[in-house]
Structure formats: C-alpha cells, structure tokens
Amino acid sequence: MRRNSGKRSKSGSGKNSSRSSRSGKGKKWFLGNIVVVMLLKLFLALFLLFLSRILFYAFNLGYFSNLGLMEAMRLCAIGIRFDLSAILIINSPFIVLNSLPFKFTYNRIYQAIANGYFYMINAFALFTNFGDTIYFRFTLKRLTADIFNYVGVGGDFDKLIPQFLRDFWYVAVVWLLFVAVLIYVGTRFAVACSGSKKTGFNIQFFAIHSVLFAAIMVLTVIGIRGGLQLRPIGLATAGNYTSAKNLPLLLNTPFSIARTVNKETLKTLQYYKKETDLAAVYTPVHQGTTAGFKNYNVMIIILESMSREHIGSLNRSLENGRYQGFTPFLDSLIRHGLYFDAFANGKTSIQGIPAILSAIPSLMNESFIQSTYATGKFMSIAGLLRPKGYTTAFFHGGTNGTMGFDSYTKLVGFDH
C-alpha cells in the first residue's frame, strides 16, 4: 500500500507540475524575481508616457509648426527626464510595496493589491496626459494641480467632459488602447508568488533585501529629483532646453500636476465691472515712443540686503551733508546716470530677481520661480531689448542652479 500511495503521490505531483507549467507557458514573458518584475512594469509605464508625448505633438502639430522634426524629437528625448520623475513620483507606493525586505511581498493577495494600484495610477496619469492633448488648445500650457480647485468649486466639468468626449472621441479611444496595452503587457510580467507557509522570516533574505531596499530608495529619490543638481527639477527647469512656447512639449501633465500639488495659487479679484472703469483710475500700461531710442549698454546691479540708508548719495541730508554711506562706486554711478525711486516688492532673493527683471511682485508667500505660473508667458528687460539687437547675460555669484535663477533667466529671454 505504501508503494501504491507513493505512486499516486508522485503521479499527482507530476500532474500538478505539468498543469502549472502549461498555465505559465505562452502566457508569462517573465516569471520570477519581484524587483525585476517591478522594473519591467515601471519601464512599460515610462514608455507609454513617452509615446503619449509623441501623440501630443502630432495632435497639436500646428502649434509647434515653428519646430523642425529633429528639434521636436530632441525635446521629446529630453522630456524623458521629466517622464521618469513623474513615473517615480506616482508609482512610489508601488515601488515601496515591492521593495520591502520581507517574504510576504511574494504573497498573491499582496501582489494583487500592489498591481491594482499600479494599473489604476498609471491609467489615470495617461488620462491626464491625453486629456491635456485637447485641453492644451484652450490654455496653451500643461494642466497644473489648480485644476482640482477648479473642479471643486463647480467649474462646469460635468458639462465640459461629455462635450469633449463627443467632439474628441478619438483621443478617448487612443487612451483606452494605451490602458489595454498597459494591462495586457503588464500582466505578462509576474512575480513567482509563494504560499503563506513560505513567507516566514529569514535573516539572510532580510539582510540582502534590506541593502537592496536602501539602494532602490536612493535611486528613486534621485530619479524623482531629476538628478543630483542643487534643486529638484520643476516646471521652470524645462526653460533650460527651449523657449517658453515649446515648454508643453518638453513637460508632461502628470509631472506638472505632481509638482504643483499644495502650491499656492492666486485668487482672481475683481473690483471693477469694466476694464474702462479701472483704466479711468489707473493703468500700468504706458504707451511710449522709440523715436529717440539710443543703443546704450545696460547693466543692472542687484545687491543683497542693501537698504537705502547704506547708499550715501541718497542720504545727503544726514549728518549735515557729511554722510558718506558704504557704496562709493554706486554713488559715482548715480551722479552720472538715471536714478528712480521705487518700492521693494520682493522679500527674499528668489522673489527679488523676478521682481526686478520682470516687474512681477511677490503676490504669494512662495516664489514665482517655484510657483504654478513659472511656465506662463511673461517678459523681462532682456526679452524686451532683444528685438533692439541686444545680447544679454545674467551673472550670479552663487553656484549655477541656485534658486532656479538659471532656468528663470532662460525663460525670460537672456541669451547667456
């Protein structure tokens, strides 16, 4: 009886093994290590997000008609840096769940929860990117997190979305196709799950995977930051690579939303019913003339923490006219040039540069450079002088990249 029992056990085991082999054969492209499976799925999400940028360009070809094909492809390639950051931001819970140094991560139910999050969050990310493919035509910029405020206060989205679906149904079809590819290909990569009896604590497994977990977390943070530079990449960083007009092609909507979550926004205040009523009181727009324009060199000197009281030529009445101040060279310039009284409208360095060069006051607690408006259309004195044949440069005593001044100056028209 023992021999018969042994035969049945062996035969049964063989059938189970064969059935398991047949179920995996031809269905799974990779079945095994949890970290490898996670990386394959993240690469899939990154690839689909990159493809959606190509379609964004194709659907809005008229807006980017100023770009040659090679330049457009160059911007799309550089955009992978922003795509990678976005993918790592939105998938960070998925990465943590699959990197924990415990054997229960191989459990089937645990993997089902992790994969469910992966498919839902990436499908939503693709939805925002494809939705912006059309909505971009109305705003000429990528959506930011303030769209949720708009929806929350009754922005007629319940009426707009059905209208968009009727008018641009083909974009919805493409999105559904991308989601289908995401799920179909993603399910081809699977973790070799184990039963609950094989998920106990193992000191060697824990030690090795703890080191691996730490390495993955470090690489994830670097990827989210966009590199090892001083500041993490933001919307304004895209200005290092192209003009403001082409920023939407370089960026992606999940990145724009993720980087502007909890960012301060300005409330629209309306004190006058008509623009003419306001203009009768005051207008900041002045119609000048260029008839007497002279091509003088222009140098703007910006000093940190220098109050009016430090400048001798502005305080001649002090000390019976004997006050010298601390700025003899500036005093000599003031005597031979034009000097204007103005108002301080930047409380910190990062607020002061846009205030001085672009006339943008600090209307928020955070800086304009780091705000949701950093990729909008705005000008500076450099951009205004460019049509006059000027070549412009910005010099800063800090490390390049400090406070995003390099990105800002590129955006507003500085040549160097």
Protein backbone atom coordinates (compact mmCIF):
# COMPACT_ATOMS: atom_id res chain seq x y z
CA MET A 1 0.00 0.00 0.00
CA ARG A 2 2.89 2.29 0.67
CA ARG A 3 4.20 1.69 -2.85
CA ASN A 4 0.79 2.45 -4.38
CA SER A 5 0.43 5.55 -2.21
CA GLY A 6 3.87 6.66 -3.27
CA LYS A 7 2.97 6.16 -6.94
CA ARG A 8 -0.20 8.17 -6.57
CA SER A 9 1.67 10.93 -4.79
CA LYS A 10 4.35 11.00 -7.48
CA SER A 11 1.80 10.89 -10.26
CA GLY A 12 -0.29 13.62 -8.65
CA SER A 13 2.73 15.78 -8.15
CA GLY A 14 3.69 15.34 -11.77
CA LYS A 15 0.23 16.37 -12.96
CA ASN A 16 0.26 19.49 -10.79
CA SER A 17 3.69 20.41 -12.06
CA SER A 18 2.65 19.82 -15.66
CA ARG A 19 -0.57 21.85 -15.17
CA SER A 20 1.42 24.67 -13.61
CA SER A 21 3.88 24.60 -16.48
CA ARG A 22 1.11 24.66 -19.09
CA SER A 23 -0.65 27.56 -17.38
CA GLY A 24 2.53 29.64 -17.42
CA LYS A 25 3.73 28.58 -20.85
CA GLY A 26 2.99 31.11 -23.54
CA LYS A 27 1.29 33.49 -21.11
CA LYS A 28 4.07 34.98 -19.00
CA TRP A 29 7.01 36.68 -20.64
CA PHE A 30 8.82 36.84 -17.32
CA LEU A 31 8.01 34.96 -14.11
CA GLY A 32 10.35 35.40 -11.19
CA ASN A 33 12.17 38.00 -9.09
CA ILE A 34 9.96 40.74 -7.64
CA VAL A 35 12.46 43.57 -8.29
CA VAL A 36 12.93 42.62 -11.94
CA VAL A 37 9.16 42.45 -12.45
CA MET A 38 8.76 45.87 -10.81
CA LEU A 39 11.43 47.42 -13.07
CA LEU A 40 9.85 45.92 -16.19
CA LYS A 41 6.45 47.37 -15.28
CA LEU A 42 7.91 50.79 -14.49
CA PHE A 43 9.71 50.79 -17.83
CA LEU A 44 6.42 49.91 -19.55
CA ALA A 45 4.67 52.87 -17.87
CA LEU A 46 7.57 55.16 -18.80
CA PHE A 47 7.47 54.00 -22.43
CA LEU A 48 3.71 54.59 -22.73
CA LEU A 49 4.02 58.05 -21.19
CA PHE A 50 6.76 58.87 -23.70
CA LEU A 51 4.58 57.64 -26.59
CA SER A 52 1.73 59.83 -25.36
CA ARG A 53 4.04 62.84 -25.71
CA ILE A 54 4.66 61.92 -29.35
CA LEU A 55 0.89 61.86 -29.88
CA PHE A 56 0.56 65.17 -28.02
CA TYR A 57 2.95 66.64 -30.58
CA ALA A 58 1.11 65.00 -33.50
CA PHE A 59 -2.33 66.23 -32.37
CA ASN A 60 -1.02 69.79 -31.87
CA LEU A 61 1.33 69.98 -34.83
CA GLY A 62 0.01 73.39 -35.85
CA TYR A 63 1.03 74.99 -32.56
CA PHE A 64 4.57 73.59 -32.81
CA SER A 65 4.97 74.41 -36.51
CA ASN A 66 7.99 76.55 -35.64
CA LEU A 67 9.88 73.40 -34.67
CA GLY A 68 11.69 71.21 -37.16
CA LEU A 69 11.24 67.46 -36.81
CA MET A 70 14.74 66.95 -35.38
CA GLU A 71 14.25 69.70 -32.79
CA ALA A 72 10.89 68.25 -31.80
CA MET A 73 12.46 64.81 -31.38
CA ARG A 74 15.29 66.35 -29.34
CA LEU A 75 12.77 67.92 -26.95
CA CYS A 76 10.85 64.66 -26.70
CA ALA A 77 14.07 62.85 -25.83
CA ILE A 78 14.99 65.41 -23.16
CA GLY A 79 11.43 65.08 -21.86
CA ILE A 80 12.24 61.53 -20.73
CA ARG A 81 13.93 63.15 -17.72
CA PHE A 82 10.58 64.68 -16.71
CA ASP A 83 8.72 61.49 -17.63
CA LEU A 84 10.96 59.43 -15.36
CA SER A 85 10.43 61.85 -12.48
CA ALA A 86 6.66 61.70 -12.96
CA ILE A 87 6.59 57.89 -13.17
CA LEU A 88 8.65 57.54 -9.99
CA ILE A 89 6.52 60.09 -8.11
CA ILE A 90 3.17 58.48 -8.87
CA ASN A 91 4.50 54.93 -8.54
CA SER A 92 6.44 55.47 -5.31
CA PRO A 93 3.92 53.43 -3.24
CA PHE A 94 4.20 50.60 -5.79
CA ILE A 95 7.99 50.76 -5.56
CA VAL A 96 7.95 50.66 -1.75
CA LEU A 97 5.47 47.76 -1.68
CA ASN A 98 7.68 45.69 -3.99
CA SER A 99 10.97 46.58 -2.32
CA LEU A 100 10.25 45.84 1.33
CA PRO A 101 12.75 43.25 2.64
CA PHE A 102 10.14 40.69 3.69
CA LYS A 103 8.96 37.46 2.10
CA PHE A 104 5.29 38.35 2.41
CA THR A 105 5.79 40.65 -0.60
CA TYR A 106 5.62 37.46 -2.71
CA ASN A 107 2.13 36.67 -1.43
CA ARG A 108 -0.54 36.52 -4.16
CA ILE A 109 -3.02 38.80 -2.37
CA TYR A 110 -0.28 41.29 -1.54
CA GLN A 111 0.82 41.34 -5.18
CA ALA A 112 -2.77 41.80 -6.35
CA ILE A 113 -3.08 44.94 -4.19
CA ALA A 114 0.26 46.34 -5.41
CA ASN A 115 -0.56 45.65 -9.06
CA GLY A 116 -4.05 47.10 -8.68
CA TYR A 117 -2.53 50.38 -7.55
CA PHE A 118 -0.02 50.30 -10.43
CA TYR A 119 -2.64 49.90 -13.14
CA MET A 120 -5.03 52.49 -11.68
CA ILE A 121 -2.50 55.25 -11.05
CA ASN A 122 -0.79 54.87 -14.42
CA ALA A 123 -4.08 54.71 -16.28
CA PHE A 124 -5.04 57.96 -14.56
CA ALA A 125 -1.66 59.51 -15.45
CA LEU A 126 -2.20 58.63 -19.11
CA PHE A 127 -5.73 60.03 -18.85
CA THR A 128 -4.41 63.43 -17.74
CA ASN A 129 -1.81 63.44 -20.49
CA PHE A 130 -4.30 62.58 -23.23
CA GLY A 131 -6.90 64.94 -21.79
CA ASP A 132 -4.34 67.73 -21.94
CA THR A 133 -3.71 66.88 -25.58
CA ILE A 134 -7.01 68.63 -26.34
CA TYR A 135 -7.40 70.96 -23.35
CA PHE A 136 -3.98 72.41 -24.16
CA ARG A 137 -5.51 74.11 -27.20
CA PHE A 138 -7.57 76.31 -24.87
CA THR A 139 -4.92 77.09 -22.23
CA LEU A 140 -1.65 76.75 -24.21
CA LYS A 141 0.00 75.21 -21.15
CA ARG A 142 0.07 71.93 -19.30
CA LEU A 143 -2.55 71.38 -16.60
CA THR A 144 -1.39 72.00 -13.04
CA ALA A 145 -2.83 70.98 -9.68
CA ASP A 146 -5.07 74.04 -9.54
CA ILE A 147 -7.40 72.17 -11.92
CA PHE A 148 -8.67 70.27 -8.85
CA ASN A 149 -9.61 73.57 -7.19
CA TYR A 150 -11.49 74.49 -10.35
CA VAL A 151 -13.38 71.21 -10.29
CA GLY A 152 -14.06 71.52 -6.57
CA VAL A 153 -15.78 74.90 -6.85
CA GLY A 154 -18.07 73.86 -9.68
CA GLY A 155 -16.18 74.56 -12.86
CA ASP A 156 -18.85 73.06 -15.15
CA PHE A 157 -16.70 69.97 -15.68
CA ASP A 158 -19.81 67.81 -15.57
CA LYS A 159 -20.90 69.59 -18.77
CA LEU A 160 -17.49 70.00 -20.39
CA ILE A 161 -16.30 66.39 -20.20
CA PRO A 162 -19.28 64.90 -22.13
CA GLN A 163 -18.88 67.63 -24.73
CA PHE A 164 -15.15 66.89 -25.04
CA LEU A 165 -15.86 63.17 -25.41
CA ARG A 166 -18.31 63.85 -28.24
CA ASP A 167 -16.00 66.25 -30.05
CA PHE A 168 -12.73 64.41 -29.48
CA TRP A 169 -13.84 60.78 -29.11
CA TYR A 170 -10.77 59.53 -30.95
CA VAL A 171 -8.49 60.73 -28.13
CA ALA A 172 -10.55 58.71 -25.63
CA VAL A 173 -10.22 55.66 -27.89
CA VAL A 174 -6.44 56.06 -28.03
CA TRP A 175 -6.32 56.39 -24.24
CA LEU A 176 -8.34 53.19 -23.80
CA LEU A 177 -5.96 51.46 -26.22
CA PHE A 178 -2.97 52.59 -24.15
CA VAL A 179 -4.63 51.35 -20.94
CA ALA A 180 -5.32 48.00 -22.62
CA VAL A 181 -1.66 47.73 -23.62
CA LEU A 182 -0.60 48.70 -20.09
CA ILE A 183 -2.70 45.93 -18.54
CA TYR A 184 -2.02 43.28 -21.20
CA VAL A 185 1.75 43.72 -21.27
CA GLY A 186 1.95 44.40 -17.52
CA THR A 187 0.28 41.11 -16.68
CA ARG A 188 2.84 39.28 -18.84
CA PHE A 189 5.41 40.11 -16.13
CA ALA A 190 4.58 38.29 -12.91
CA VAL A 191 6.18 37.58 -9.57
CA ALA A 192 6.67 33.92 -8.73
CA CYS A 193 4.27 34.05 -5.79
CA SER A 194 4.61 31.66 -2.87
CA GLY A 195 2.12 30.23 -0.43
CA SER A 196 1.64 31.59 3.05
CA LYS A 197 3.84 28.84 4.56
CA LYS A 198 6.86 30.06 2.63
CA THR A 199 6.65 33.68 3.72
CA GLY A 200 8.25 33.35 7.15
CA PHE A 201 11.13 35.48 8.40
CA ASN A 202 14.59 34.63 7.07
CA ILE A 203 17.56 36.59 8.37
CA GLN A 204 19.70 36.11 5.25
CA PHE A 205 16.82 37.14 2.97
CA PHE A 206 16.11 40.17 5.18
CA ALA A 207 19.77 41.32 5.24
CA ILE A 208 20.30 41.09 1.48
CA HIS A 209 16.97 42.69 0.61
CA SER A 210 17.43 45.46 3.18
CA VAL A 211 20.53 46.60 1.31
CA LEU A 212 18.63 46.29 -1.97
CA PHE A 213 15.71 48.26 -0.49
CA ALA A 214 18.03 51.09 0.57
CA ALA A 215 19.65 51.20 -2.88
CA ILE A 216 16.27 51.30 -4.63
CA MET A 217 15.03 54.11 -2.37
CA VAL A 218 18.16 56.18 -3.05
CA LEU A 219 17.87 55.71 -6.81
CA THR A 220 14.15 56.52 -6.66
CA VAL A 221 14.79 59.79 -4.84
CA ILE A 222 17.50 60.74 -7.35
CA GLY A 223 15.11 59.93 -10.20
CA ILE A 224 12.32 62.00 -8.66
CA ARG A 225 14.72 64.93 -8.19
CA GLY A 226 15.78 64.58 -11.82
CA GLY A 227 19.44 64.16 -10.92
CA LEU A 228 21.98 65.28 -8.34
CA GLN A 229 21.76 69.02 -9.02
CA LEU A 230 21.18 71.53 -6.18
CA ARG A 231 17.39 71.72 -6.55
CA PRO A 232 14.89 69.13 -7.77
CA ILE A 233 13.64 69.74 -11.29
CA GLY A 234 10.43 71.75 -11.62
CA LEU A 235 8.36 73.38 -14.30
CA ALA A 236 10.86 76.18 -14.78
CA THR A 237 13.69 73.68 -15.33
CA ALA A 238 12.31 72.99 -18.80
CA GLY A 239 13.32 76.55 -19.70
CA ASN A 240 16.94 75.40 -19.80
CA TYR A 241 16.25 73.48 -23.00
CA THR A 242 13.80 75.51 -25.07
CA SER A 243 11.74 78.67 -25.29
CA ALA A 244 8.57 79.22 -23.26
CA LYS A 245 6.39 78.47 -26.29
CA ASN A 246 7.70 74.91 -26.55
CA LEU A 247 7.65 74.02 -22.84
CA PRO A 248 4.40 71.99 -23.10
CA LEU A 249 6.13 69.56 -25.48
CA LEU A 250 9.01 69.05 -23.07
CA LEU A 251 6.85 68.59 -19.97
CA ASN A 252 4.10 66.08 -19.26
CA THR A 253 0.84 66.59 -17.40
CA PRO A 254 1.40 64.08 -14.53
CA PHE A 255 4.68 65.85 -13.76
CA SER A 256 3.07 69.31 -13.92
CA ILE A 257 0.28 68.24 -11.58
CA ALA A 258 2.58 66.41 -9.16
CA ARG A 259 5.00 69.34 -8.93
CA THR A 260 2.25 71.86 -8.21
CA VAL A 261 0.25 69.94 -5.60
CA ASN A 262 -0.18 72.11 -2.48
CA LYS A 263 1.34 75.05 -4.33
CA GLU A 264 -0.14 78.44 -3.57
CA THR A 265 -2.36 79.96 -6.23
CA LEU A 266 -3.68 83.47 -6.71
CA LYS A 267 -7.34 84.30 -6.31
CA THR A 268 -8.91 86.38 -9.04
CA LEU A 269 -10.04 89.67 -7.53
CA GLN A 270 -12.42 91.91 -9.43
CA TYR A 271 -13.10 95.37 -8.03
CA TYR A 272 -14.36 96.95 -11.25
CA LYS A 273 -17.08 95.71 -13.56
CA LYS A 274 -15.38 97.01 -16.70
CA GLU A 275 -11.77 97.46 -17.76
CA THR A 276 -12.60 101.04 -18.75
CA ASP A 277 -13.64 101.81 -15.17
CA LEU A 278 -10.27 100.60 -13.93
CA ALA A 279 -8.36 102.44 -16.65
CA ALA A 280 -10.03 105.68 -15.59
CA VAL A 281 -8.44 105.30 -12.16
CA TYR A 282 -5.05 103.81 -13.07
CA THR A 283 -3.36 101.73 -15.74
CA PRO A 284 0.08 100.16 -15.56
CA VAL A 285 0.34 100.26 -19.36
CA HIS A 286 2.16 103.25 -20.77
CA GLN A 287 2.48 103.92 -24.49
CA GLY A 288 6.00 105.13 -25.04
CA THR A 289 7.93 106.04 -28.15
CA THR A 290 11.12 104.63 -29.63
CA ALA A 291 11.83 107.69 -31.74
CA GLY A 292 14.71 108.73 -29.51
CA PHE A 293 15.93 105.23 -28.68
CA LYS A 294 19.69 105.07 -28.09
CA ASN A 295 21.60 101.81 -28.08
CA TYR A 296 23.36 102.29 -24.78
CA ASN A 297 24.76 99.37 -22.86
CA VAL A 298 22.52 98.44 -19.94
CA MET A 299 23.80 97.00 -16.67
CA ILE A 300 21.55 96.21 -13.73
CA ILE A 301 23.41 95.72 -10.45
CA ILE A 302 21.49 93.77 -7.83
CA LEU A 303 22.76 93.88 -4.25
CA GLU A 304 21.62 91.57 -1.46
CA SER A 305 20.29 93.20 1.72
CA MET A 306 21.31 96.75 0.82
CA SER A 307 18.91 99.29 2.30
CA ARG A 308 18.51 102.87 1.13
CA GLU A 309 20.30 104.08 4.27
CA HIS A 310 23.53 102.38 3.15
CA ILE A 311 23.78 104.46 -0.04
CA GLY A 312 25.47 107.81 0.57
CA SER A 313 24.14 109.73 -2.44
CA LEU A 314 20.55 109.02 -1.36
CA ASN A 315 21.09 110.40 2.13
CA ARG A 316 22.88 113.73 1.58
CA SER A 317 20.81 115.40 4.27
CA LEU A 318 22.17 113.17 7.02
CA GLU A 319 24.99 114.31 9.29
CA ASN A 320 24.75 117.85 7.92
CA GLY A 321 25.57 116.67 4.43
CA ARG A 322 28.69 114.80 5.50
CA TYR A 323 27.15 111.30 5.40
CA GLN A 324 29.33 109.06 3.22
CA GLY A 325 27.44 105.76 3.25
CA PHE A 326 29.02 102.46 2.22
CA THR A 327 28.71 102.49 -1.57
CA PRO A 328 31.17 104.99 -3.07
CA PHE A 329 31.21 103.35 -6.51
CA LEU A 330 27.41 103.20 -6.76
CA ASP A 331 27.29 106.81 -5.62
CA SER A 332 29.52 107.78 -8.54
CA LEU A 333 27.22 105.94 -10.98
CA ILE A 334 24.10 107.56 -9.57
CA ARG A 335 25.57 111.05 -10.05
CA HIS A 336 26.18 110.38 -13.77
CA GLY A 337 23.11 108.31 -14.61
CA LEU A 338 19.39 108.00 -14.05
CA TYR A 339 18.02 107.03 -10.68
CA PHE A 340 14.40 106.15 -9.90
CA ASP A 341 12.70 105.78 -6.55
CA ALA A 342 10.78 102.50 -6.42
CA PHE A 343 9.12 100.12 -3.99
CA ALA A 344 10.64 96.93 -2.64
CA ASN A 345 8.41 94.12 -3.87
CA GLY A 346 10.46 91.02 -3.18
CA LYS A 347 11.14 89.84 0.37
CA THR A 348 13.76 87.22 -0.48
CA SER A 349 16.41 86.67 -3.15
CA ILE A 350 14.32 84.18 -5.10
CA GLN A 351 11.44 86.68 -5.15
CA GLY A 352 13.64 89.68 -5.86
CA ILE A 353 15.04 88.60 -9.23
CA PRO A 354 11.63 88.26 -11.00
CA ALA A 355 10.52 91.48 -9.28
CA ILE A 356 13.47 93.48 -10.61
CA LEU A 357 13.86 91.93 -14.06
CA SER A 358 10.24 91.06 -14.90
CA ALA A 359 8.28 93.52 -12.73
CA ILE A 360 6.49 90.59 -11.05
CA PRO A 361 5.84 91.42 -7.38
CA SER A 362 5.75 88.80 -4.63
CA LEU A 363 1.99 88.33 -4.50
CA MET A 364 2.35 84.91 -2.86
CA ASN A 365 4.25 83.52 0.09
CA GLU A 366 6.21 81.23 -2.21
CA SER A 367 8.42 82.44 -5.02
CA PHE A 368 7.18 82.98 -8.54
CA ILE A 369 10.00 80.79 -9.90
CA GLN A 370 8.70 77.79 -7.93
CA SER A 371 5.01 78.51 -8.45
CA THR A 372 2.44 77.04 -10.82
CA TYR A 373 2.85 80.13 -13.02
CA ALA A 374 6.54 79.61 -13.78
CA THR A 375 5.89 78.31 -17.29
CA GLY A 376 3.41 81.02 -18.22
CA LYS A 377 4.07 83.78 -20.72
CA PHE A 378 5.95 86.66 -19.15
CA MET A 379 8.71 89.00 -20.17
CA SER A 380 11.84 90.63 -18.78
CA ILE A 381 14.01 93.56 -19.74
CA ALA A 382 16.25 91.09 -21.60
CA GLY A 383 13.36 89.91 -23.76
CA LEU A 384 12.28 93.49 -24.43
CA LEU A 385 15.76 94.54 -25.57
CA ARG A 386 16.35 91.51 -27.81
CA PRO A 387 14.38 92.99 -30.77
CA LYS A 388 16.67 96.04 -30.50
CA GLY A 389 19.69 93.86 -31.28
CA TYR A 390 20.92 93.43 -27.71
CA THR A 391 22.83 90.39 -26.48
CA THR A 392 22.09 89.72 -22.82
CA ALA A 393 23.78 87.82 -20.00
CA PHE A 394 22.96 87.15 -16.35
CA PHE A 395 25.75 86.71 -13.81
CA HIS A 396 25.17 85.37 -10.32
CA GLY A 397 27.66 84.82 -7.52
CA GLY A 398 26.11 81.56 -6.37
CA THR A 399 26.53 78.03 -7.67
CA ASN A 400 24.79 77.56 -11.01
CA GLY A 401 21.28 76.32 -10.35
CA THR A 402 20.89 78.15 -7.05
CA MET A 403 17.21 79.09 -6.53
CA GLY A 404 16.48 78.24 -10.16
CA PHE A 405 17.89 81.53 -11.49
CA ASP A 406 19.45 79.75 -14.48
CA SER A 407 16.07 78.32 -15.55
CA TYR A 408 14.23 81.60 -14.96
CA THR A 409 16.68 83.72 -16.97
CA LYS A 410 16.49 81.33 -19.90
CA LEU A 411 12.71 81.51 -19.84
CA VAL A 412 12.60 85.31 -19.87
CA GLY A 413 14.96 85.81 -22.79
CA PHE A 414 18.53 86.06 -21.51
CA ASP A 415 20.97 84.79 -24.12
CA HIS A 416 23.66 83.67 -21.69
